[in-house]
Amino acid sequence: MLSRAPSSVGRLCLYRKRIDISTVLVGQQLGIEEVDDGILLVSFMHDDLGYFDLEQKTLQPLDNPFGTRLSPMS
């Protein structure tokens, strides 16, 4: 598993590909693990955020990766 932090514009560069993640996660370490040929699992802390397809350059988010631990904003 790789550990990388997005650049100041929220981008990771892996395998000569630019991956736009989010400016919200700038400076935070993300876990990157190849789970299949060209498919990367992106994690933050202990939560899996989604899968990134290197060929299609798309991020498929998981259903609510934070579960019920976060309270809705009022």
N, C-alpha and C. Protein backbone atom coordinates (compact mmCIF):
# COMPACT_ATOMS: atom_id res chain seq x y z
N MET A 1 0.85 -1.18 0.00
CA MET A 1 0.00 0.00 0.00
C MET A 1 0.89 1.23 0.00
N LEU A 2 0.55 2.18 -0.86
CA LEU A 2 1.24 3.46 -0.92
C LEU A 2 0.54 4.45 -0.01
N SER A 3 1.28 5.43 0.45
CA SER A 3 0.70 6.51 1.24
C SER A 3 1.14 7.81 0.60
N ARG A 4 0.19 8.60 0.15
CA ARG A 4 0.49 9.86 -0.52
C ARG A 4 -0.46 10.94 -0.05
N ALA A 5 0.00 12.18 -0.16
CA ALA A 5 -0.84 13.34 0.16
C ALA A 5 -1.12 14.09 -1.14
N PRO A 6 -2.37 14.49 -1.37
CA PRO A 6 -2.69 15.28 -2.56
C PRO A 6 -1.94 16.61 -2.56
N SER A 7 -1.63 17.11 -3.75
CA SER A 7 -0.94 18.40 -3.90
C SER A 7 -1.88 19.54 -3.49
N SER A 8 -1.39 20.76 -3.61
CA SER A 8 -2.17 21.92 -3.19
C SER A 8 -3.43 22.13 -4.02
N VAL A 9 -3.55 21.44 -5.15
CA VAL A 9 -4.77 21.52 -5.97
C VAL A 9 -5.60 20.24 -5.87
N GLY A 10 -5.26 19.37 -4.90
CA GLY A 10 -6.05 18.16 -4.66
C GLY A 10 -5.78 17.03 -5.64
N ARG A 11 -4.57 16.96 -6.16
CA ARG A 11 -4.23 15.98 -7.18
C ARG A 11 -3.12 15.04 -6.72
N LEU A 12 -3.26 13.77 -7.09
CA LEU A 12 -2.20 12.78 -6.91
C LEU A 12 -1.63 12.44 -8.27
N CYS A 13 -0.35 12.15 -8.33
CA CYS A 13 0.27 11.68 -9.57
C CYS A 13 0.81 10.27 -9.30
N LEU A 14 0.20 9.28 -9.94
CA LEU A 14 0.59 7.89 -9.79
C LEU A 14 0.65 7.23 -11.15
N TYR A 15 1.67 6.43 -11.36
CA TYR A 15 1.80 5.67 -12.60
C TYR A 15 1.68 6.58 -13.83
N ARG A 16 2.27 7.78 -13.73
CA ARG A 16 2.24 8.77 -14.80
C ARG A 16 0.83 9.22 -15.16
N LYS A 17 -0.08 9.11 -14.23
CA LYS A 17 -1.46 9.57 -14.41
C LYS A 17 -1.76 10.62 -13.35
N ARG A 18 -2.52 11.63 -13.73
CA ARG A 18 -2.98 12.64 -12.77
C ARG A 18 -4.35 12.23 -12.26
N ILE A 19 -4.48 12.18 -10.96
CA ILE A 19 -5.73 11.77 -10.34
C ILE A 19 -6.24 12.92 -9.49
N ASP A 20 -7.35 13.53 -9.89
CA ASP A 20 -7.94 14.61 -9.11
C ASP A 20 -8.78 14.00 -8.00
N ILE A 21 -8.39 14.26 -6.75
CA ILE A 21 -9.09 13.70 -5.60
C ILE A 21 -10.03 14.76 -5.03
N SER A 22 -9.49 15.72 -4.29
CA SER A 22 -10.29 16.79 -3.70
C SER A 22 -9.36 17.76 -2.99
N THR A 23 -9.70 19.04 -3.05
CA THR A 23 -8.91 20.03 -2.31
C THR A 23 -9.17 19.91 -0.81
N VAL A 24 -10.24 19.24 -0.43
CA VAL A 24 -10.55 19.04 0.99
C VAL A 24 -9.48 18.20 1.66
N LEU A 25 -8.86 17.29 0.90
CA LEU A 25 -7.88 16.37 1.47
C LEU A 25 -6.44 16.81 1.24
N VAL A 26 -6.20 18.06 0.84
CA VAL A 26 -4.85 18.56 0.62
C VAL A 26 -4.02 18.40 1.88
N GLY A 27 -2.86 17.81 1.74
CA GLY A 27 -1.95 17.63 2.86
C GLY A 27 -2.23 16.41 3.73
N GLN A 28 -3.36 15.76 3.54
CA GLN A 28 -3.71 14.57 4.32
C GLN A 28 -3.18 13.32 3.62
N GLN A 29 -2.68 12.38 4.39
CA GLN A 29 -2.17 11.14 3.81
C GLN A 29 -3.32 10.23 3.40
N LEU A 30 -3.29 9.77 2.16
CA LEU A 30 -4.27 8.83 1.65
C LEU A 30 -3.59 7.50 1.40
N GLY A 31 -4.29 6.43 1.66
CA GLY A 31 -3.78 5.10 1.35
C GLY A 31 -4.22 4.73 -0.05
N ILE A 32 -3.29 4.23 -0.85
CA ILE A 32 -3.57 3.83 -2.23
C ILE A 32 -3.12 2.38 -2.37
N GLU A 33 -4.05 1.51 -2.72
CA GLU A 33 -3.72 0.09 -2.85
C GLU A 33 -4.31 -0.43 -4.16
N GLU A 34 -3.47 -1.09 -4.96
CA GLU A 34 -3.96 -1.68 -6.21
C GLU A 34 -4.65 -3.00 -5.88
N VAL A 35 -5.95 -3.06 -6.12
CA VAL A 35 -6.73 -4.25 -5.78
C VAL A 35 -6.99 -5.13 -7.00
N ASP A 36 -6.80 -4.59 -8.19
CA ASP A 36 -6.94 -5.32 -9.43
C ASP A 36 -6.09 -4.59 -10.46
N ASP A 37 -5.91 -5.16 -11.61
CA ASP A 37 -5.09 -4.54 -12.64
C ASP A 37 -5.68 -3.18 -13.04
N GLY A 38 -5.01 -2.09 -12.65
CA GLY A 38 -5.46 -0.75 -12.98
C GLY A 38 -6.57 -0.20 -12.11
N ILE A 39 -6.96 -0.92 -11.05
CA ILE A 39 -8.00 -0.46 -10.13
C ILE A 39 -7.35 -0.20 -8.77
N LEU A 40 -7.49 1.03 -8.28
CA LEU A 40 -6.89 1.43 -7.01
C LEU A 40 -7.96 1.69 -5.97
N LEU A 41 -7.75 1.22 -4.76
CA LEU A 41 -8.61 1.52 -3.63
C LEU A 41 -8.01 2.72 -2.91
N VAL A 42 -8.79 3.79 -2.74
CA VAL A 42 -8.33 5.01 -2.07
C VAL A 42 -8.95 5.05 -0.68
N SER A 43 -8.10 5.20 0.34
CA SER A 43 -8.55 5.20 1.73
C SER A 43 -8.04 6.44 2.45
N PHE A 44 -8.82 6.90 3.42
CA PHE A 44 -8.42 8.00 4.30
C PHE A 44 -8.60 7.52 5.72
N MET A 45 -7.53 7.55 6.49
CA MET A 45 -7.51 7.02 7.84
C MET A 45 -7.93 5.55 7.79
N HIS A 46 -9.03 5.18 8.43
CA HIS A 46 -9.47 3.78 8.43
C HIS A 46 -10.67 3.56 7.52
N ASP A 47 -10.99 4.54 6.68
CA ASP A 47 -12.19 4.45 5.85
C ASP A 47 -11.82 4.38 4.37
N ASP A 48 -12.44 3.45 3.66
CA ASP A 48 -12.26 3.34 2.21
C ASP A 48 -13.19 4.35 1.55
N LEU A 49 -12.62 5.20 0.69
CA LEU A 49 -13.40 6.25 0.02
C LEU A 49 -13.99 5.79 -1.30
N GLY A 50 -13.23 5.02 -2.06
CA GLY A 50 -13.73 4.57 -3.35
C GLY A 50 -12.63 3.92 -4.17
N TYR A 51 -13.01 3.55 -5.39
CA TYR A 51 -12.11 2.88 -6.31
C TYR A 51 -11.81 3.81 -7.48
N PHE A 52 -10.53 3.86 -7.87
CA PHE A 52 -10.12 4.67 -9.00
C PHE A 52 -9.68 3.76 -10.13
N ASP A 53 -10.23 3.97 -11.32
CA ASP A 53 -9.88 3.21 -12.51
C ASP A 53 -8.84 4.02 -13.29
N LEU A 54 -7.61 3.52 -13.37
CA LEU A 54 -6.53 4.25 -14.03
C LEU A 54 -6.78 4.42 -15.53
N GLU A 55 -7.39 3.43 -16.16
CA GLU A 55 -7.61 3.49 -17.60
C GLU A 55 -8.68 4.52 -17.96
N GLN A 56 -9.80 4.49 -17.25
CA GLN A 56 -10.90 5.41 -17.55
C GLN A 56 -10.79 6.73 -16.80
N LYS A 57 -9.85 6.80 -15.85
CA LYS A 57 -9.64 8.00 -15.03
C LYS A 57 -10.91 8.43 -14.31
N THR A 58 -11.57 7.47 -13.69
CA THR A 58 -12.80 7.77 -12.94
C THR A 58 -12.68 7.25 -11.52
N LEU A 59 -13.29 7.97 -10.60
CA LEU A 59 -13.35 7.56 -9.20
C LEU A 59 -14.78 7.15 -8.90
N GLN A 60 -14.96 5.92 -8.44
CA GLN A 60 -16.29 5.42 -8.08
C GLN A 60 -16.37 5.42 -6.55
N PRO A 61 -17.06 6.40 -5.96
CA PRO A 61 -17.13 6.45 -4.49
C PRO A 61 -17.95 5.30 -3.92
N LEU A 62 -17.61 4.92 -2.72
CA LEU A 62 -18.38 3.91 -2.00
C LEU A 62 -19.59 4.59 -1.38
N ASP A 63 -20.62 3.81 -1.06
CA ASP A 63 -21.81 4.36 -0.40
C ASP A 63 -21.44 4.81 1.00
N ASN A 64 -21.57 6.10 1.27
CA ASN A 64 -21.35 6.70 2.58
C ASN A 64 -20.23 6.01 3.36
N PRO A 65 -18.96 6.29 3.02
CA PRO A 65 -17.85 5.60 3.68
C PRO A 65 -17.74 5.87 5.18
N PHE A 66 -18.40 6.92 5.68
CA PHE A 66 -18.29 7.25 7.08
C PHE A 66 -19.44 6.72 7.91
N GLY A 67 -20.38 6.03 7.29
CA GLY A 67 -21.47 5.40 8.02
C GLY A 67 -22.27 6.40 8.82
N THR A 68 -22.71 5.99 10.00
CA THR A 68 -23.55 6.84 10.85
C THR A 68 -22.71 7.59 11.90
N ARG A 69 -21.39 7.58 11.76
CA ARG A 69 -20.56 8.23 12.77
C ARG A 69 -20.60 9.74 12.68
N LEU A 70 -21.01 10.28 11.53
CA LEU A 70 -21.09 11.73 11.39
C LEU A 70 -22.52 12.20 11.58
N SER A 71 -22.68 13.28 12.30
CA SER A 71 -24.01 13.84 12.50
C SER A 71 -24.34 14.79 11.37
N PRO A 72 -25.58 14.80 10.90
CA PRO A 72 -25.94 15.74 9.85
C PRO A 72 -25.87 17.16 10.38
N MET A 73 -25.49 18.09 9.51
CA MET A 73 -25.40 19.49 9.93
C MET A 73 -26.80 20.09 10.01
N SER A 74 -27.03 20.89 11.02
CA SER A 74 -28.34 21.51 11.20
C SER A 74 -28.31 22.94 10.70
